[in-house]
Amino acid sequence: MIAPRQTVDDIRDWLLGEALAVGDVLAFFEAFCWRMASALVSFDRASLHVGTLHPQIYGFAWNWEKGDGICDEIQVGEDILATDAYRRSPLYGVIEYGRAFEARIDEETQQRYPLLRELGAQGYSQYLALPLTAGGRQHNLVSLSTRQLGGFRPEELEAVHGLLRIFALHVERHIDRRISANLLDAYLGTAAGGKVLSGSIRRGVGEEIDAVIWMSDLRGFTDLSSRLPGSAMTALLNAYFERLAAAVIAEGGDILKFMGDGVLAVFPQRGGAAQAALRAAERALTAIAALSDDPPPDLAAIDGWAPLRSGIALHEGKVFFGNVGSTERLDFTVIGPAVNAASRIEALTKALGRAILVSEPVARQLDARLDDMGMHPLRGVAGEMRLFSPRPMSAG
């Protein structure tokens, strides 16, 4: 992006007007940087660093450099906080204590800070890391670098600080939305989280979809819960759910609920949903078996839980995907006869001695060798249903 010739006043007007319509933080930051480079010849490099609420990610960073014309996004994991590189970074004091960092890049600062040594080798003369405190989050900051001989001039820094006060409000807006999306995805699933964030929040609002429904549970959960302390059971469930959820998500499914030891997921019909659901089920069982055979150290220290076994049912039908509940407490889920049937099929996995059972509507869509398990009544469901199970590999 090459911005038309800009002035500081033009950038201020853009921040107070058109920038409000930019919906993505990367696009916003890139547009801001190009405008700054147009208005200030000394504006050569910038980065934006923000903290977030996410189960696995500490924050995000965006790096822009005038020379390459690219703005890239980096996910920052929690593990970086324990590294020596982080503690020796100019960003450390800004993130941890909200202290601005300003330094000329000379022999002394290059010896102290590895990052400044890298920038010095590229011809930069000054580096700034400034906290963005519009919402009180000291984890948000912006860094600026210049190659200009003698560094930024005082009048340039004054203009930068004035614009950053408005810039910080935009960053806060974008990050609040990203945090909301992260939390909704983590607690509701990607599909449900996206619908809630887009405004589907009224009771009864939703849509009818055709989907393959996944229902599973951990066998022997009641016995394990009665024998293992809560901390051990929590660690075990987390390891179990991690492997199961990874398999579902890898095949395009969306997990809607963890119910004790049970999981409810859906694979919306977009072509190939049944095959994807079966691949996910087989992948999950393989991962759970590997967990039992070679547990991580924290689980290996717990006696009497292995091997873990799971029962998985796959059924297809139309379901209502939307909000149900009271006026003050809503749940975004799927309901309908097909969900009830999937639950009843799963209950038969133990009695029939098969880890995976699929209903006839799913079986018709599968390119797999299946054993016909016969007709079976389902508790609370009218009539009987023919069930199938993937043929064990040893059966030939």
Protein backbone atom coordinates (compact mmCIF):
# COMPACT_ATOMS: atom_id res chain seq x y z
CA MET A 1 0.00 0.00 0.00
CA ILE A 2 1.35 3.42 -0.94
CA ALA A 3 -0.58 6.21 0.77
CA PRO A 4 -1.01 9.59 -0.96
CA ARG A 5 1.08 12.39 0.49
CA GLN A 6 -0.05 12.84 4.08
CA THR A 7 0.33 15.40 6.83
CA VAL A 8 0.02 14.83 10.56
CA ASP A 9 -3.37 16.56 10.41
CA ASP A 10 -4.47 14.19 7.61
CA ILE A 11 -3.57 11.18 9.78
CA ARG A 12 -5.44 12.64 12.74
CA ASP A 13 -8.53 13.15 10.57
CA TRP A 14 -8.22 9.59 9.26
CA LEU A 15 -7.99 8.19 12.80
CA LEU A 16 -11.09 10.13 13.81
CA GLY A 17 -13.05 9.11 10.72
CA GLU A 18 -12.32 6.51 8.05
CA ALA A 19 -10.17 4.32 10.31
CA LEU A 20 -13.27 3.44 12.31
CA ALA A 21 -14.50 1.37 9.36
CA VAL A 22 -11.35 -0.80 9.22
CA GLY A 23 -12.36 -4.11 10.76
CA ASP A 24 -9.03 -5.94 10.97
CA VAL A 25 -6.14 -4.92 13.23
CA LEU A 26 -3.47 -5.89 10.68
CA ALA A 27 -5.11 -3.81 7.96
CA PHE A 28 -5.52 -0.90 10.37
CA PHE A 29 -1.93 -1.00 11.59
CA GLU A 30 -0.53 -1.30 8.05
CA ALA A 31 -2.61 1.65 6.83
CA PHE A 32 -1.51 3.73 9.82
CA CYS A 33 2.17 2.94 9.19
CA TRP A 34 2.07 3.87 5.51
CA ARG A 35 0.40 7.16 6.36
CA MET A 36 3.01 7.86 9.01
CA ALA A 37 5.83 7.08 6.57
CA SER A 38 4.28 9.51 4.09
CA ALA A 39 4.01 12.30 6.66
CA LEU A 40 7.35 11.68 8.45
CA VAL A 41 10.36 10.75 6.36
CA SER A 42 12.01 9.42 9.56
CA PHE A 43 9.30 6.75 10.09
CA ASP A 44 11.12 3.60 8.93
CA ARG A 45 9.98 0.71 11.12
CA ALA A 46 7.19 -0.03 13.62
CA SER A 47 5.75 -2.92 15.59
CA LEU A 48 2.55 -3.32 17.57
CA HIS A 49 2.39 -5.70 20.54
CA VAL A 50 -0.81 -6.57 22.40
CA GLY A 51 -1.84 -8.96 25.13
CA THR A 52 -4.96 -11.06 24.86
CA LEU A 53 -7.08 -13.62 26.68
CA HIS A 54 -6.57 -16.97 25.01
CA PRO A 55 -6.00 -20.49 26.39
CA GLN A 56 -2.70 -20.88 24.51
CA ILE A 57 -1.60 -17.45 23.26
CA TYR A 58 -0.10 -14.68 25.38
CA GLY A 59 -0.48 -12.03 22.72
CA PHE A 60 0.07 -10.91 19.14
CA ALA A 61 2.64 -8.77 17.39
CA TRP A 62 2.57 -7.01 14.01
CA ASN A 63 5.80 -5.88 12.35
CA TRP A 64 6.03 -3.27 9.59
CA GLU A 65 9.11 -2.02 7.76
CA LYS A 66 9.10 0.59 5.03
CA GLY A 67 11.74 -1.20 2.99
CA ASP A 68 9.88 -4.47 2.43
CA GLY A 69 6.30 -3.18 2.32
CA ILE A 70 4.97 -6.15 4.29
CA CYS A 71 3.10 -6.20 7.59
CA ASP A 72 3.06 -9.63 9.21
CA GLU A 73 1.26 -11.03 12.26
CA ILE A 74 2.97 -13.21 14.88
CA GLN A 75 1.36 -15.23 17.67
CA VAL A 76 3.27 -15.01 20.94
CA GLY A 77 3.07 -18.02 23.27
CA GLU A 78 3.13 -17.91 27.06
CA ASP A 79 6.47 -19.72 27.06
CA ILE A 80 8.29 -16.64 25.80
CA LEU A 81 7.86 -14.97 29.20
CA ALA A 82 10.35 -17.39 30.76
CA THR A 83 13.08 -16.82 28.16
CA ASP A 84 16.25 -14.82 28.62
CA ALA A 85 15.59 -13.13 25.27
CA TYR A 86 12.38 -11.62 26.67
CA ARG A 87 14.03 -10.40 29.87
CA ARG A 88 16.83 -8.77 27.86
CA SER A 89 14.44 -7.13 25.42
CA PRO A 90 13.63 -3.40 25.49
CA LEU A 91 9.98 -4.52 25.54
CA TYR A 92 10.31 -6.14 28.97
CA GLY A 93 9.95 -2.97 31.04
CA VAL A 94 7.16 -1.63 28.84
CA ILE A 95 5.09 -4.82 29.11
CA GLU A 96 5.76 -5.59 32.77
CA TYR A 97 5.77 -2.08 34.23
CA GLY A 98 4.37 0.28 31.59
CA ARG A 99 7.65 2.22 31.32
CA ALA A 100 8.48 3.88 28.01
CA PHE A 101 11.81 2.94 26.45
CA GLU A 102 13.77 5.38 24.29
CA ALA A 103 17.38 4.83 23.24
CA ARG A 104 19.88 5.87 20.65
CA ILE A 105 21.37 2.81 18.99
CA ASP A 106 25.04 3.09 19.83
CA GLU A 107 27.81 0.80 21.00
CA GLU A 108 26.64 0.78 24.62
CA THR A 109 22.95 0.00 23.92
CA GLN A 110 23.85 -2.62 21.32
CA GLN A 111 25.92 -4.47 23.89
CA ARG A 112 23.05 -4.39 26.38
CA TYR A 113 20.14 -5.27 24.08
CA PRO A 114 20.43 -7.96 21.38
CA LEU A 115 17.49 -6.44 19.48
CA LEU A 116 19.26 -3.09 19.20
CA ARG A 117 22.37 -4.88 17.99
CA GLU A 118 20.31 -6.34 15.15
CA LEU A 119 18.77 -2.98 14.33
CA GLY A 120 22.13 -1.24 14.49
CA ALA A 121 23.50 -3.68 11.93
CA GLN A 122 20.64 -2.64 9.64
CA GLY A 123 21.46 1.04 9.96
CA TYR A 124 18.87 2.17 12.49
CA SER A 125 19.83 5.06 14.76
CA GLN A 126 17.05 5.24 17.39
CA TYR A 127 14.46 2.89 18.90
CA LEU A 128 11.37 3.70 20.97
CA ALA A 129 8.91 1.37 22.72
CA LEU A 130 5.90 3.21 24.07
CA PRO A 131 3.01 1.87 26.17
CA LEU A 132 -0.52 2.22 24.81
CA THR A 133 -2.67 2.79 27.88
CA ALA A 134 -6.07 3.80 26.52
CA GLY A 135 -7.79 1.03 28.47
CA GLY A 136 -5.24 0.57 31.23
CA ARG A 137 -3.65 -2.53 29.68
CA GLN A 138 0.10 -2.21 30.05
CA HIS A 139 0.60 -5.24 27.78
CA ASN A 140 -0.17 -3.08 24.71
CA LEU A 141 2.69 -1.13 23.16
CA VAL A 142 4.07 0.21 19.92
CA SER A 143 7.72 0.41 18.92
CA LEU A 144 9.20 2.86 16.41
CA SER A 145 12.62 2.93 14.76
CA THR A 146 14.37 5.32 12.42
CA ARG A 147 17.49 5.34 10.28
CA GLN A 148 17.57 9.13 10.28
CA LEU A 149 20.96 10.48 11.31
CA GLY A 150 20.64 11.73 14.88
CA GLY A 151 17.33 9.93 15.42
CA PHE A 152 13.85 11.40 15.56
CA ARG A 153 13.68 15.18 15.81
CA PRO A 154 11.78 16.64 18.82
CA GLU A 155 8.96 18.00 16.65
CA GLU A 156 8.55 14.58 15.04
CA LEU A 157 8.30 12.89 18.44
CA GLU A 158 5.72 15.44 19.55
CA ALA A 159 3.60 14.65 16.48
CA VAL A 160 4.01 10.90 17.04
CA HIS A 161 2.94 11.08 20.69
CA GLY A 162 -0.13 13.12 19.77
CA LEU A 163 -1.25 10.63 17.13
CA LEU A 164 -0.57 7.62 19.34
CA ARG A 165 -3.12 8.84 21.89
CA ILE A 166 -5.84 8.35 19.25
CA PHE A 167 -4.15 5.29 17.78
CA ALA A 168 -4.30 3.61 21.22
CA LEU A 169 -8.10 3.88 21.26
CA HIS A 170 -8.31 2.02 17.96
CA VAL A 171 -5.96 -0.69 19.19
CA GLU A 172 -8.11 -1.14 22.30
CA ARG A 173 -11.22 -1.47 20.13
CA HIS A 174 -9.65 -4.08 17.88
CA ILE A 175 -8.16 -6.09 20.73
CA ASP A 176 -11.39 -6.10 22.74
CA ARG A 177 -13.15 -7.61 19.74
CA ARG A 178 -10.40 -10.17 19.24
CA ILE A 179 -10.52 -11.13 22.93
CA SER A 180 -14.29 -11.54 22.67
CA ALA A 181 -13.85 -13.79 19.64
CA ASN A 182 -11.14 -15.83 21.38
CA LEU A 183 -13.28 -16.40 24.47
CA LEU A 184 -16.41 -17.24 22.50
CA ASP A 185 -14.48 -19.70 20.32
CA ALA A 186 -12.91 -21.31 23.42
CA TYR A 187 -16.16 -21.70 25.33
CA LEU A 188 -18.77 -22.09 22.58
CA GLY A 189 -16.82 -23.36 19.58
CA THR A 190 -15.93 -21.55 16.38
CA ALA A 191 -19.31 -21.78 14.66
CA ALA A 192 -21.41 -20.86 17.71
CA GLY A 193 -18.94 -18.21 18.85
CA GLY A 194 -19.02 -16.51 15.47
CA LYS A 195 -22.80 -16.41 15.45
CA VAL A 196 -23.01 -14.93 18.95
CA LEU A 197 -20.39 -12.29 18.11
CA SER A 198 -22.31 -11.33 14.97
CA GLY A 199 -25.44 -10.67 17.03
CA SER A 200 -27.35 -13.96 17.34
CA ILE A 201 -27.99 -13.50 21.05
CA ARG A 202 -31.78 -13.55 21.44
CA ARG A 203 -33.55 -16.61 22.77
CA GLY A 204 -34.96 -18.71 19.96
CA VAL A 205 -32.72 -17.16 17.30
CA GLY A 206 -30.99 -19.79 15.20
CA GLU A 207 -31.33 -21.90 12.10
CA GLU A 208 -32.12 -25.43 11.03
CA ILE A 209 -29.07 -27.22 9.66
CA ASP A 210 -28.39 -30.68 8.33
CA ALA A 211 -25.40 -32.16 10.14
CA VAL A 212 -23.64 -35.29 11.25
CA ILE A 213 -23.91 -35.33 15.03
CA TRP A 214 -21.08 -36.68 17.17
CA MET A 215 -21.88 -37.92 20.67
CA SER A 216 -19.20 -39.58 22.79
CA ASP A 217 -18.32 -40.39 26.35
CA LEU A 218 -15.50 -41.85 28.38
CA ARG A 219 -16.20 -45.38 29.56
CA GLY A 220 -15.76 -46.06 33.25
CA PHE A 221 -15.95 -42.36 34.13
CA THR A 222 -18.02 -42.93 37.28
CA ASP A 223 -15.59 -45.53 38.59
CA LEU A 224 -12.57 -43.35 37.81
CA SER A 225 -14.16 -40.35 39.49
CA SER A 226 -14.81 -42.33 42.64
CA ARG A 227 -11.21 -43.60 42.85
CA LEU A 228 -9.10 -40.66 41.71
CA PRO A 229 -8.66 -37.32 43.48
CA GLY A 230 -10.10 -34.28 41.74
CA SER A 231 -6.74 -32.94 40.55
CA ALA A 232 -5.84 -36.29 38.97
CA MET A 233 -9.25 -36.64 37.33
CA THR A 234 -9.01 -33.11 35.95
CA ALA A 235 -5.59 -33.82 34.44
CA LEU A 236 -6.88 -37.06 32.94
CA LEU A 237 -9.97 -35.43 31.43
CA ASN A 238 -7.92 -32.58 29.99
CA ALA A 239 -5.56 -35.02 28.26
CA TYR A 240 -8.50 -37.08 26.98
CA PHE A 241 -10.47 -34.08 25.72
CA GLU A 242 -7.39 -32.54 24.12
CA ARG A 243 -6.87 -35.56 21.90
CA LEU A 244 -10.52 -36.02 21.11
CA ALA A 245 -11.11 -32.33 20.34
CA ALA A 246 -8.00 -32.13 18.16
CA ALA A 247 -9.34 -34.96 16.02
CA VAL A 248 -12.77 -33.35 15.62
CA ILE A 249 -11.37 -29.91 14.78
CA ALA A 250 -8.78 -31.32 12.35
CA GLU A 251 -11.61 -32.83 10.30
CA GLY A 252 -13.74 -29.69 10.23
CA GLY A 253 -16.09 -30.49 13.10
CA ASP A 254 -17.22 -28.02 15.73
CA ILE A 255 -17.35 -28.98 19.41
CA LEU A 256 -20.39 -27.54 21.11
CA LYS A 257 -20.25 -29.02 24.61
CA PHE A 258 -18.17 -30.89 27.12
CA MET A 259 -20.71 -32.57 29.39
CA GLY A 260 -18.87 -34.21 32.27
CA ASP A 261 -17.04 -36.89 30.33
CA GLY A 262 -19.22 -36.47 27.23
CA VAL A 263 -18.73 -34.48 24.05
CA LEU A 264 -21.33 -33.11 21.64
CA ALA A 265 -20.01 -32.00 18.25
CA VAL A 266 -21.40 -31.39 14.78
CA PHE A 267 -20.10 -31.72 11.25
CA PRO A 268 -22.38 -29.48 9.13
CA GLN A 269 -23.32 -31.03 5.81
CA ARG A 270 -21.19 -29.36 3.17
CA GLY A 271 -20.33 -32.55 1.32
CA GLY A 272 -18.22 -35.25 2.88
CA ALA A 273 -19.37 -34.57 6.45
CA ALA A 274 -20.00 -38.23 7.24
CA GLN A 275 -16.58 -39.31 5.97
CA ALA A 276 -14.93 -36.47 7.92
CA ALA A 277 -16.75 -37.46 11.10
CA LEU A 278 -15.66 -41.09 10.76
CA ARG A 279 -12.05 -40.05 10.13
CA ALA A 280 -12.23 -37.88 13.24
CA ALA A 281 -13.60 -40.76 15.32
CA GLU A 282 -10.88 -43.14 14.19
CA ARG A 283 -8.20 -40.50 14.70
CA ALA A 284 -9.51 -39.78 18.20
CA LEU A 285 -9.45 -43.46 19.20
CA THR A 286 -5.90 -43.83 17.89
CA ALA A 287 -4.77 -40.78 19.89
CA ILE A 288 -6.50 -42.00 23.06
CA ALA A 289 -4.89 -45.43 22.70
CA ALA A 290 -1.49 -43.78 22.29
CA LEU A 291 -2.14 -41.74 25.42
CA SER A 292 -2.86 -44.92 27.38
CA ASP A 293 0.22 -46.71 26.03
CA ASP A 294 2.65 -43.81 26.47
CA PRO A 295 1.24 -41.25 28.91
CA PRO A 296 3.02 -37.98 29.72
CA PRO A 297 4.83 -37.89 33.10
CA ASP A 298 1.99 -36.23 35.02
CA LEU A 299 -0.44 -39.00 34.01
CA ALA A 300 2.12 -41.79 34.33
CA ALA A 301 2.36 -40.92 38.02
CA ILE A 302 -1.37 -41.64 38.49
CA ASP A 303 -2.25 -45.25 39.19
CA GLY A 304 -5.19 -47.22 37.89
CA TRP A 305 -6.63 -45.22 35.01
CA ALA A 306 -5.28 -46.88 31.86
CA PRO A 307 -6.39 -47.86 29.37
CA LEU A 308 -8.89 -45.14 28.51
CA ARG A 309 -11.77 -46.20 26.30
CA SER A 310 -14.37 -44.11 24.55
CA GLY A 311 -17.68 -44.76 22.84
CA ILE A 312 -18.54 -42.60 19.81
CA ALA A 313 -21.86 -42.38 17.96
CA LEU A 314 -22.41 -40.69 14.59
CA HIS A 315 -25.91 -39.88 13.39
CA GLU A 316 -27.21 -37.55 10.70
CA GLY A 317 -30.28 -35.35 10.65
CA LYS A 318 -31.73 -31.88 10.83
CA VAL A 319 -31.17 -29.97 14.06
CA PHE A 320 -31.93 -26.50 15.38
CA PHE A 321 -28.65 -24.64 15.86
CA GLY A 322 -29.22 -21.61 18.04
CA ASN A 323 -30.10 -20.05 21.37
CA VAL A 324 -32.12 -21.86 24.01
CA GLY A 325 -32.55 -21.19 27.71
CA SER A 326 -33.98 -18.53 29.98
CA THR A 327 -34.08 -14.80 29.34
CA GLU A 328 -31.05 -14.32 31.61
CA ARG A 329 -28.99 -17.45 30.83
CA LEU A 330 -28.72 -18.73 27.28
CA ASP A 331 -26.93 -21.64 25.67
CA PHE A 332 -25.98 -21.85 21.99
CA THR A 333 -26.37 -25.50 21.06
CA VAL A 334 -28.10 -27.98 18.80
CA ILE A 335 -31.40 -29.62 19.70
CA GLY A 336 -33.79 -31.97 17.97
CA PRO A 337 -34.71 -35.64 17.58
CA ALA A 338 -31.43 -36.36 15.79
CA VAL A 339 -29.44 -35.23 18.83
CA ASN A 340 -31.51 -37.46 21.11
CA ALA A 341 -31.01 -40.40 18.75
CA ALA A 342 -27.23 -39.85 18.68
CA SER A 343 -27.18 -39.95 22.48
CA ARG A 344 -29.13 -43.24 22.54
CA ILE A 345 -26.85 -44.78 19.90
CA GLU A 346 -23.79 -43.87 21.93
CA ALA A 347 -25.30 -45.65 24.93
CA LEU A 348 -25.26 -48.88 22.86
CA THR A 349 -21.51 -48.82 22.11
CA LYS A 350 -20.70 -50.66 25.32
CA ALA A 351 -23.46 -53.26 24.96
CA LEU A 352 -22.51 -54.01 21.34
CA GLY A 353 -18.80 -54.03 22.09
CA ARG A 354 -17.89 -51.45 19.46
CA ALA A 355 -16.11 -48.15 20.04
CA ILE A 356 -17.83 -46.51 17.04
CA LEU A 357 -21.44 -46.90 15.99
CA VAL A 358 -22.98 -45.11 13.02
CA SER A 359 -26.61 -44.88 12.05
CA GLU A 360 -27.90 -46.00 8.68
CA PRO A 361 -28.21 -42.40 7.32
CA VAL A 362 -24.49 -41.93 8.03
CA ALA A 363 -23.51 -45.39 6.76
CA ARG A 364 -25.10 -44.66 3.37
CA GLN A 365 -22.63 -41.78 2.91
CA LEU A 366 -19.50 -43.69 3.90
CA ASP A 367 -16.87 -45.24 1.69
CA ALA A 368 -15.77 -47.71 4.35
CA ARG A 369 -16.09 -51.38 5.23
CA LEU A 370 -18.84 -51.61 7.81
CA ASP A 371 -20.28 -54.41 9.88
CA ASP A 372 -24.07 -54.49 10.03
CA MET A 373 -24.94 -54.50 13.74
CA GLY A 374 -28.65 -55.06 13.09
CA MET A 375 -31.82 -53.26 14.10
CA HIS A 376 -31.97 -51.81 17.62
CA PRO A 377 -34.60 -49.95 19.62
CA LEU A 378 -33.41 -46.58 20.94
CA ARG A 379 -34.75 -45.52 24.32
CA GLY A 380 -37.22 -42.67 23.91
CA VAL A 381 -37.08 -42.87 20.09
CA ALA A 382 -39.97 -44.37 18.11
CA GLY A 383 -39.23 -47.51 16.12
CA GLU A 384 -35.88 -49.21 15.61
CA MET A 385 -32.74 -48.10 13.82
CA ARG A 386 -30.18 -50.11 11.90
CA LEU A 387 -26.67 -49.52 13.20
CA PHE A 388 -23.27 -50.14 11.65
CA SER A 389 -19.71 -50.14 12.89
CA PRO A 390 -16.37 -49.79 11.05
CA ARG A 391 -14.91 -53.22 10.58
CA PRO A 392 -11.87 -53.77 12.79
CA MET A 393 -8.64 -53.91 10.81
CA SER A 394 -7.89 -57.41 12.10
CA ALA A 395 -11.17 -58.65 10.59
CA GLY A 396 -9.72 -58.34 7.06
